[in-house]
């Protein structure tokens, strides 16, 4: 690198060399600043993307929890309805048997 600078100094003597090196420093500084700004922009974008992803994951977990609660409620309600229907059917069956025992069907004897 040092040899390159010496070569440039010999190639651009005096004022032109100083102007050239100042221009080179300005360009390098501007490039570094642009790189830093781009890095910061990318960091900010990554941070925002992570926050968005976390929010979506929270919403998804809440949705899954809500659906699980609905399934649980449906299952519980379905089970209750099934049990109640069986109990009604059982009571009707028993009632029918009791009525037959108390009031047996009238049969005619022909004889």
Protein backbone atom coordinates (compact mmCIF):
# COMPACT_ATOMS: atom_id res chain seq x y z
CA UNK A 1 0.00 0.00 0.00
CA UNK A 2 2.82 2.36 0.92
CA UNK A 3 4.49 1.68 -2.41
CA UNK A 4 1.23 2.54 -4.17
CA UNK A 5 1.02 5.86 -2.36
CA UNK A 6 4.63 6.66 -3.23
CA UNK A 7 3.92 5.85 -6.83
CA UNK A 8 0.86 8.12 -6.83
CA UNK A 9 2.84 10.95 -5.26
CA UNK A 10 5.44 10.68 -8.00
CA UNK A 11 2.70 10.46 -10.59
CA UNK A 12 0.74 13.47 -9.24
CA UNK A 13 3.24 15.96 -7.87
CA UNK A 14 2.29 19.06 -5.92
CA UNK A 15 -1.18 20.50 -5.73
CA UNK A 16 -2.78 17.88 -7.96
CA UNK A 17 -1.63 15.12 -5.66
CA UNK A 18 -3.09 16.83 -2.59
CA UNK A 19 -6.39 17.44 -4.41
CA UNK A 20 -6.46 13.85 -5.60
CA UNK A 21 -5.82 12.46 -2.12
CA UNK A 22 -8.40 14.80 -0.56
CA UNK A 23 -10.92 13.64 -3.15
CA UNK A 24 -10.01 10.02 -2.40
CA UNK A 25 -10.49 10.64 1.34
CA UNK A 26 -13.87 12.34 0.69
CA UNK A 27 -15.06 9.44 -1.47
CA UNK A 28 -13.89 6.89 1.08
CA UNK A 29 -15.58 8.80 3.91
CA UNK A 30 -18.82 9.13 1.94
CA UNK A 31 -18.72 5.42 1.08
CA UNK A 32 -18.20 4.53 4.75
CA UNK A 33 -21.11 6.79 5.80
CA UNK A 34 -23.37 5.28 3.14
CA UNK A 35 -22.39 1.80 4.28
CA UNK A 36 -23.13 2.72 7.91
CA UNK A 37 -26.50 4.20 6.93
CA UNK A 38 -27.38 1.09 4.91
CA UNK A 39 -26.32 -1.13 7.82
CA UNK A 40 -28.54 0.87 10.19
CA UNK A 41 -31.44 0.71 7.71
CA UNK A 42 -31.04 -3.07 7.49
CA UNK A 43 -30.88 -3.38 11.29
CA UNK A 44 -34.08 -1.35 11.60
CA UNK A 45 -35.79 -3.43 8.92
CA UNK A 46 -34.71 -6.65 10.65
CA UNK A 47 -35.97 -5.35 14.02
CA UNK A 48 -39.33 -4.44 12.48
CA UNK A 49 -39.57 -7.82 10.73
CA UNK A 50 -38.85 -9.60 14.02
CA UNK A 51 -41.55 -7.54 15.82
CA UNK A 52 -44.02 -8.30 13.02
CA UNK A 53 -43.20 -12.00 13.19
CA UNK A 54 -43.62 -12.04 16.97
CA UNK A 55 -47.00 -10.31 16.64
CA UNK A 56 -48.12 -12.83 14.01
CA UNK A 57 -46.97 -15.72 16.19
CA UNK A 58 -48.92 -14.28 19.17
CA UNK A 59 -52.02 -13.87 17.02
CA UNK A 60 -51.61 -17.42 15.71
CA UNK A 61 -51.25 -18.84 19.23
CA UNK A 62 -54.36 -16.92 20.34
CA UNK A 63 -56.30 -18.20 17.32
CA UNK A 64 -55.21 -21.79 18.03
CA UNK A 65 -56.19 -21.39 21.69
CA UNK A 66 -59.60 -20.03 20.66
CA UNK A 67 -60.15 -22.92 18.27
CA UNK A 68 -59.07 -25.42 20.94
CA UNK A 69 -61.60 -23.87 23.33
CA UNK A 70 -64.31 -24.12 20.67
CA UNK A 71 -63.49 -27.78 20.11
CA UNK A 72 -63.56 -28.42 23.86
CA UNK A 73 -66.90 -26.62 24.20
CA UNK A 74 -68.35 -28.48 21.20
CA UNK A 75 -67.11 -31.83 22.53
CA UNK A 76 -68.50 -31.12 25.99
CA UNK A 77 -71.84 -29.94 24.57
CA UNK A 78 -72.04 -32.91 22.21
CA UNK A 79 -71.32 -35.31 25.08
CA UNK A 80 -73.97 -33.65 27.25
CA UNK A 81 -76.54 -33.79 24.45
CA UNK A 82 -75.75 -37.44 23.77
CA UNK A 83 -76.12 -38.32 27.46
CA UNK A 84 -79.36 -36.36 27.75
CA UNK A 85 -80.75 -38.03 24.62
CA UNK A 86 -79.85 -41.46 25.99
CA UNK A 87 -81.45 -40.62 29.34
CA UNK A 88 -84.67 -39.42 27.62
CA UNK A 89 -84.77 -42.54 25.46
CA UNK A 90 -84.18 -44.70 28.53
CA UNK A 91 -86.93 -42.92 30.50
CA UNK A 92 -89.37 -43.28 27.59
CA UNK A 93 -88.54 -46.95 27.28
CA UNK A 94 -89.01 -47.51 31.01
CA UNK A 95 -92.25 -45.52 30.97
CA UNK A 96 -93.52 -47.62 28.08
CA UNK A 97 -92.66 -50.84 29.93
CA UNK A 98 -94.33 -49.60 33.11
CA UNK A 99 -97.48 -48.72 31.20
CA UNK A 100 -97.55 -52.15 29.62
CA UNK A 101 -97.15 -53.79 33.01
CA UNK A 102 -99.85 -51.67 34.63
CA UNK A 103 -102.19 -51.67 31.68
CA UNK A 104 -101.45 -54.73 29.62
CA UNK A 105 -102.83 -54.62 26.11
CA UNK A 106 -106.40 -55.88 25.91
CA UNK A 107 -106.63 -59.13 24.13
CA UNK A 108 -109.89 -60.71 23.06
CA UNK A 109 -110.27 -64.32 23.60
CA UNK A 110 -112.58 -65.96 21.21
CA UNK A 111 -113.73 -69.02 22.62
